[in-house]
């Protein structure tokens, strides 16, 4: 059975390219365009990995990450932060809130796929 990945990003071009890349690798993809939608979709679909943008409407990716880490049902969910915010303090905050990986945009597609595979294969 294909592993499921949630992409939460409000930039349509990022969503389209990520969705294409991940589907090409055989993953099932679920999309959310803001933080509240991300939480709803994660609770409904129980993905194996959530890729969260930091800057999104309604709830940012850091808040979504924190909410998920405080919920015992999602303690094993793999979380990747994917954002343009790449200063050391932001990376540290994302990891401290429970993200497994923090990647900055723009990203190398090969590196992103390698990190996704490493996270999903950790199970």
N, C-alpha and C. Protein backbone atom coordinates (compact mmCIF):
# COMPACT_ATOMS: atom_id res chain seq x y z
N UNK A 1 0.84 -1.19 0.00
CA UNK A 1 0.00 0.00 0.00
C UNK A 1 0.88 1.25 0.00
N UNK A 2 0.51 2.22 -0.81
CA UNK A 2 1.32 3.45 -0.93
C UNK A 2 1.27 4.26 0.35
N UNK A 3 2.40 4.83 0.69
CA UNK A 3 2.47 5.73 1.85
C UNK A 3 1.82 7.05 1.46
N UNK A 4 1.21 7.71 2.45
CA UNK A 4 0.50 8.97 2.21
C UNK A 4 1.28 10.14 2.78
N UNK A 5 1.36 11.20 1.99
CA UNK A 5 2.06 12.42 2.41
C UNK A 5 1.12 13.60 2.29
N UNK A 6 1.03 14.38 3.34
CA UNK A 6 0.26 15.62 3.31
C UNK A 6 1.20 16.77 2.97
N UNK A 7 0.80 17.59 2.00
CA UNK A 7 1.52 18.82 1.67
C UNK A 7 0.65 19.98 2.13
N UNK A 8 1.17 20.81 3.03
CA UNK A 8 0.44 21.99 3.49
C UNK A 8 1.24 23.22 3.10
N UNK A 9 0.76 23.92 2.08
CA UNK A 9 1.45 25.11 1.58
C UNK A 9 0.42 25.97 0.86
N UNK A 10 0.53 27.28 1.01
CA UNK A 10 -0.43 28.18 0.35
C UNK A 10 0.07 28.71 -0.98
N UNK A 11 1.24 28.25 -1.42
CA UNK A 11 1.77 28.66 -2.72
C UNK A 11 1.44 27.58 -3.75
N UNK A 12 0.52 27.88 -4.69
CA UNK A 12 0.10 26.86 -5.67
C UNK A 12 1.25 26.23 -6.45
N UNK A 13 2.25 27.00 -6.83
CA UNK A 13 3.36 26.43 -7.62
C UNK A 13 4.17 25.41 -6.83
N UNK A 14 4.35 25.67 -5.56
CA UNK A 14 5.07 24.72 -4.69
C UNK A 14 4.25 23.43 -4.57
N UNK A 15 2.95 23.58 -4.32
CA UNK A 15 2.08 22.42 -4.17
C UNK A 15 2.10 21.56 -5.43
N UNK A 16 1.97 22.21 -6.59
CA UNK A 16 1.96 21.48 -7.86
C UNK A 16 3.26 20.70 -8.06
N UNK A 17 4.39 21.36 -7.82
CA UNK A 17 5.67 20.67 -8.05
C UNK A 17 5.90 19.56 -7.03
N UNK A 18 5.58 19.79 -5.77
CA UNK A 18 5.74 18.74 -4.76
C UNK A 18 4.82 17.56 -5.05
N UNK A 19 3.58 17.86 -5.40
CA UNK A 19 2.62 16.80 -5.68
C UNK A 19 3.12 15.95 -6.85
N UNK A 20 3.61 16.58 -7.90
CA UNK A 20 4.14 15.86 -9.05
C UNK A 20 5.32 14.96 -8.65
N UNK A 21 6.28 15.55 -7.93
CA UNK A 21 7.47 14.79 -7.52
C UNK A 21 7.11 13.58 -6.67
N UNK A 22 6.23 13.79 -5.69
CA UNK A 22 5.90 12.72 -4.74
C UNK A 22 5.06 11.63 -5.39
N UNK A 23 4.12 12.02 -6.26
CA UNK A 23 3.32 11.01 -6.95
C UNK A 23 4.20 10.18 -7.89
N UNK A 24 5.17 10.84 -8.52
CA UNK A 24 6.09 10.13 -9.42
C UNK A 24 6.89 9.08 -8.65
N UNK A 25 7.12 9.34 -7.35
CA UNK A 25 7.85 8.37 -6.51
C UNK A 25 6.93 7.29 -5.93
N UNK A 26 5.63 7.38 -6.24
CA UNK A 26 4.70 6.35 -5.81
C UNK A 26 3.93 6.65 -4.54
N UNK A 27 4.04 7.87 -4.04
CA UNK A 27 3.31 8.23 -2.82
C UNK A 27 1.91 8.73 -3.15
N UNK A 28 0.99 8.52 -2.22
CA UNK A 28 -0.33 9.13 -2.32
C UNK A 28 -0.20 10.52 -1.68
N UNK A 29 -0.81 11.52 -2.30
CA UNK A 29 -0.63 12.90 -1.82
C UNK A 29 -1.98 13.51 -1.44
N UNK A 30 -1.98 14.17 -0.28
CA UNK A 30 -3.13 14.92 0.20
C UNK A 30 -2.66 16.37 0.33
N UNK A 31 -3.49 17.33 -0.09
CA UNK A 31 -3.08 18.73 -0.09
C UNK A 31 -3.95 19.56 0.85
N UNK A 32 -3.30 20.49 1.54
CA UNK A 32 -3.99 21.49 2.37
C UNK A 32 -3.38 22.85 2.02
N UNK A 33 -4.22 23.89 2.02
CA UNK A 33 -3.75 25.21 1.61
C UNK A 33 -3.58 26.18 2.77
N UNK A 34 -3.88 25.73 3.98
CA UNK A 34 -3.65 26.56 5.17
C UNK A 34 -3.52 25.64 6.38
N UNK A 35 -3.16 26.23 7.51
CA UNK A 35 -2.89 25.44 8.70
C UNK A 35 -4.09 24.70 9.27
N UNK A 36 -5.26 25.33 9.26
CA UNK A 36 -6.46 24.67 9.78
C UNK A 36 -6.84 23.47 8.91
N UNK A 37 -6.76 23.68 7.59
CA UNK A 37 -7.05 22.59 6.66
C UNK A 37 -6.05 21.44 6.85
N UNK A 38 -4.81 21.79 7.11
CA UNK A 38 -3.78 20.76 7.34
C UNK A 38 -4.16 19.89 8.53
N UNK A 39 -4.55 20.51 9.63
CA UNK A 39 -4.93 19.75 10.83
C UNK A 39 -6.14 18.86 10.54
N UNK A 40 -7.13 19.39 9.83
CA UNK A 40 -8.32 18.59 9.48
C UNK A 40 -7.94 17.38 8.64
N UNK A 41 -7.13 17.62 7.61
CA UNK A 41 -6.76 16.53 6.69
C UNK A 41 -5.90 15.49 7.40
N UNK A 42 -5.03 15.92 8.29
CA UNK A 42 -4.19 14.98 9.03
C UNK A 42 -5.06 14.10 9.92
N UNK A 43 -6.03 14.69 10.58
CA UNK A 43 -6.93 13.90 11.44
C UNK A 43 -7.79 12.93 10.64
N UNK A 44 -8.21 13.36 9.43
CA UNK A 44 -9.04 12.50 8.57
C UNK A 44 -8.23 11.37 7.93
N UNK A 45 -7.08 11.71 7.37
CA UNK A 45 -6.35 10.78 6.50
C UNK A 45 -5.19 10.05 7.16
N UNK A 46 -4.72 10.54 8.29
CA UNK A 46 -3.60 9.89 8.99
C UNK A 46 -2.41 9.62 8.07
N UNK A 47 -1.81 10.68 7.50
CA UNK A 47 -0.68 10.46 6.58
C UNK A 47 0.55 9.91 7.32
N UNK A 48 1.48 9.40 6.54
CA UNK A 48 2.75 8.90 7.10
C UNK A 48 3.74 10.04 7.32
N UNK A 49 3.54 11.13 6.56
CA UNK A 49 4.44 12.29 6.62
C UNK A 49 3.63 13.55 6.34
N UNK A 50 3.93 14.62 7.07
CA UNK A 50 3.34 15.94 6.80
C UNK A 50 4.47 16.88 6.42
N UNK A 51 4.33 17.53 5.26
CA UNK A 51 5.27 18.56 4.83
C UNK A 51 4.57 19.89 5.04
N UNK A 52 5.10 20.70 5.95
CA UNK A 52 4.44 21.94 6.35
C UNK A 52 5.26 23.17 5.98
N UNK A 53 4.60 24.14 5.34
CA UNK A 53 5.19 25.45 5.12
C UNK A 53 5.06 26.21 6.44
N UNK A 54 6.01 27.06 6.77
CA UNK A 54 5.89 27.84 8.00
C UNK A 54 4.86 28.95 7.84
N UNK A 55 4.94 29.69 6.75
CA UNK A 55 4.06 30.84 6.57
C UNK A 55 2.81 30.45 5.78
N UNK A 56 1.72 30.19 6.53
CA UNK A 56 0.42 29.85 5.94
C UNK A 56 -0.66 30.62 6.69
N UNK A 57 -1.79 30.85 6.03
CA UNK A 57 -2.90 31.50 6.73
C UNK A 57 -3.55 30.58 7.77
N UNK A 58 -4.27 31.18 8.68
CA UNK A 58 -5.09 30.55 9.73
C UNK A 58 -4.28 29.91 10.85
N UNK A 59 -3.32 29.09 10.55
CA UNK A 59 -2.36 28.58 11.53
C UNK A 59 -1.08 28.36 10.75
N UNK A 60 0.02 28.86 11.29
CA UNK A 60 1.27 28.66 10.55
C UNK A 60 1.80 27.24 10.80
N UNK A 61 2.80 26.86 10.03
CA UNK A 61 3.33 25.50 10.12
C UNK A 61 3.90 25.16 11.48
N UNK A 62 4.49 26.15 12.15
CA UNK A 62 5.03 25.89 13.49
C UNK A 62 3.91 25.59 14.48
N UNK A 63 2.80 26.32 14.36
CA UNK A 63 1.65 26.06 15.24
C UNK A 63 1.04 24.69 14.96
N UNK A 64 0.96 24.33 13.68
CA UNK A 64 0.43 23.01 13.31
C UNK A 64 1.33 21.92 13.87
N UNK A 65 2.63 22.08 13.72
CA UNK A 65 3.60 21.12 14.24
C UNK A 65 3.44 20.96 15.76
N UNK A 66 3.35 22.09 16.45
CA UNK A 66 3.20 22.07 17.90
C UNK A 66 1.89 21.37 18.31
N UNK A 67 0.79 21.69 17.62
CA UNK A 67 -0.50 21.05 17.92
C UNK A 67 -0.40 19.53 17.75
N UNK A 68 0.24 19.11 16.67
CA UNK A 68 0.36 17.67 16.42
C UNK A 68 1.22 16.98 17.46
N UNK A 69 2.30 17.61 17.86
CA UNK A 69 3.19 17.00 18.86
C UNK A 69 2.55 16.93 20.25
N UNK A 70 1.57 17.78 20.50
CA UNK A 70 0.88 17.74 21.79
C UNK A 70 -0.24 16.71 21.81
N UNK A 71 -0.58 16.14 20.66
CA UNK A 71 -1.64 15.16 20.56
C UNK A 71 -1.01 13.76 20.51
N UNK A 72 -1.25 12.92 21.52
CA UNK A 72 -0.63 11.60 21.57
C UNK A 72 -0.90 10.73 20.33
N UNK A 73 -2.03 10.97 19.63
CA UNK A 73 -2.34 10.20 18.43
C UNK A 73 -1.32 10.40 17.32
N UNK A 74 -0.64 11.55 17.35
CA UNK A 74 0.27 11.90 16.25
C UNK A 74 1.73 11.97 16.67
N UNK A 75 2.05 11.31 17.78
CA UNK A 75 3.43 11.37 18.27
C UNK A 75 4.42 10.72 17.29
N UNK A 76 3.94 9.77 16.47
CA UNK A 76 4.81 9.09 15.52
C UNK A 76 4.76 9.66 14.11
N UNK A 77 3.90 10.66 13.89
CA UNK A 77 3.82 11.28 12.56
C UNK A 77 5.13 11.98 12.25
N UNK A 78 5.69 11.71 11.08
CA UNK A 78 6.90 12.38 10.63
C UNK A 78 6.51 13.77 10.11
N UNK A 79 7.28 14.79 10.50
CA UNK A 79 6.98 16.16 10.09
C UNK A 79 8.22 16.80 9.48
N UNK A 80 8.03 17.34 8.27
CA UNK A 80 9.08 18.09 7.59
C UNK A 80 8.62 19.53 7.44
N UNK A 81 9.41 20.46 7.92
CA UNK A 81 9.13 21.88 7.68
C UNK A 81 9.84 22.23 6.37
N UNK A 82 9.12 22.89 5.47
CA UNK A 82 9.67 23.29 4.18
C UNK A 82 9.32 24.76 3.99
N UNK A 83 10.31 25.64 4.10
CA UNK A 83 10.00 27.06 4.17
C UNK A 83 11.11 27.95 3.64
N UNK A 84 10.76 29.15 3.33
CA UNK A 84 11.75 30.15 2.91
C UNK A 84 12.48 30.74 4.12
N UNK A 85 11.93 30.53 5.31
CA UNK A 85 12.56 31.06 6.53
C UNK A 85 13.67 30.13 6.98
N UNK A 86 14.91 30.53 6.73
CA UNK A 86 16.02 29.62 6.98
C UNK A 86 17.06 30.11 7.97
N UNK A 87 16.75 31.16 8.72
CA UNK A 87 17.73 31.62 9.71
C UNK A 87 17.87 30.58 10.82
N UNK A 88 19.03 30.54 11.44
CA UNK A 88 19.32 29.53 12.47
C UNK A 88 18.26 29.50 13.57
N UNK A 89 17.79 30.68 13.99
CA UNK A 89 16.79 30.71 15.07
C UNK A 89 15.48 30.06 14.63
N UNK A 90 15.11 30.25 13.36
CA UNK A 90 13.87 29.64 12.85
C UNK A 90 14.02 28.12 12.72
N UNK A 91 15.17 27.68 12.25
CA UNK A 91 15.43 26.25 12.14
C UNK A 91 15.38 25.62 13.54
N UNK A 92 16.05 26.24 14.49
CA UNK A 92 16.07 25.74 15.87
C UNK A 92 14.66 25.66 16.44
N UNK A 93 13.86 26.69 16.20
CA UNK A 93 12.49 26.72 16.72
C UNK A 93 11.67 25.58 16.11
N UNK A 94 11.78 25.39 14.79
CA UNK A 94 11.04 24.31 14.13
C UNK A 94 11.40 22.94 14.68
N UNK A 95 12.68 22.71 14.88
CA UNK A 95 13.13 21.42 15.42
C UNK A 95 12.73 21.27 16.88
N UNK A 96 12.79 22.36 17.64
CA UNK A 96 12.41 22.32 19.05
C UNK A 96 10.92 22.03 19.21
N UNK A 97 10.10 22.48 18.27
CA UNK A 97 8.66 22.24 18.33
C UNK A 97 8.28 20.83 17.87
N UNK A 98 9.25 20.08 17.35
CA UNK A 98 8.98 18.69 17.02
C UNK A 98 9.14 18.28 15.58
N UNK A 99 9.58 19.18 14.71
CA UNK A 99 9.80 18.79 13.32
C UNK A 99 10.96 17.79 13.26
N UNK A 100 10.84 16.81 12.39
CA UNK A 100 11.92 15.83 12.21
C UNK A 100 13.01 16.38 11.31
N UNK A 101 12.59 17.19 10.32
CA UNK A 101 13.52 17.75 9.33
C UNK A 101 13.06 19.17 9.04
N UNK A 102 14.02 20.06 8.79
CA UNK A 102 13.72 21.45 8.42
C UNK A 102 14.48 21.74 7.14
N UNK A 103 13.76 21.97 6.05
CA UNK A 103 14.39 22.28 4.75
C UNK A 103 13.97 23.68 4.31
N UNK A 104 14.88 24.36 3.64
CA UNK A 104 14.55 25.69 3.16
C UNK A 104 14.29 25.70 1.66
N UNK A 105 13.44 26.64 1.25
CA UNK A 105 13.16 26.89 -0.17
C UNK A 105 14.14 27.95 -0.64
N UNK A 106 14.61 27.91 -1.87
CA UNK A 106 14.36 26.84 -2.83
C UNK A 106 15.10 25.57 -2.42
N UNK A 107 14.59 24.44 -2.85
CA UNK A 107 15.19 23.15 -2.46
C UNK A 107 15.59 22.36 -3.70
N UNK A 108 16.55 21.49 -3.52
CA UNK A 108 16.95 20.57 -4.59
C UNK A 108 15.99 19.38 -4.54
N UNK A 109 15.39 19.06 -5.67
CA UNK A 109 14.39 17.99 -5.67
C UNK A 109 14.97 16.65 -5.23
N UNK A 110 16.18 16.36 -5.65
CA UNK A 110 16.80 15.09 -5.26
C UNK A 110 16.98 15.00 -3.74
N UNK A 111 17.41 16.12 -3.14
CA UNK A 111 17.60 16.16 -1.69
C UNK A 111 16.26 16.00 -0.96
N UNK A 112 15.23 16.67 -1.46
CA UNK A 112 13.91 16.58 -0.84
C UNK A 112 13.40 15.14 -0.87
N UNK A 113 13.49 14.49 -2.02
CA UNK A 113 13.02 13.11 -2.15
C UNK A 113 13.83 12.19 -1.23
N UNK A 114 15.13 12.40 -1.14
CA UNK A 114 15.98 11.58 -0.26
C UNK A 114 15.53 11.74 1.20
N UNK A 115 15.24 12.97 1.60
CA UNK A 115 14.81 13.19 2.99
C UNK A 115 13.44 12.58 3.25
N UNK A 116 12.53 12.70 2.28
CA UNK A 116 11.21 12.09 2.41
C UNK A 116 11.35 10.58 2.58
N UNK A 117 12.13 9.96 1.73
CA UNK A 117 12.32 8.50 1.81
C UNK A 117 12.94 8.11 3.14
N UNK A 118 13.93 8.87 3.61
CA UNK A 118 14.57 8.56 4.89
C UNK A 118 13.57 8.67 6.04
N UNK A 119 12.72 9.67 6.01
CA UNK A 119 11.72 9.83 7.08
C UNK A 119 10.69 8.71 7.07
N UNK A 120 10.20 8.40 5.89
CA UNK A 120 9.15 7.38 5.78
C UNK A 120 9.69 5.99 6.06
N UNK A 121 10.94 5.73 5.67
CA UNK A 121 11.52 4.41 5.91
C UNK A 121 11.95 4.20 7.35
N UNK A 122 11.91 5.26 8.17
CA UNK A 122 12.29 5.16 9.58
C UNK A 122 11.35 4.26 10.37
N UNK A 123 10.13 4.09 9.88
CA UNK A 123 9.10 3.38 10.65
C UNK A 123 9.44 1.96 10.97
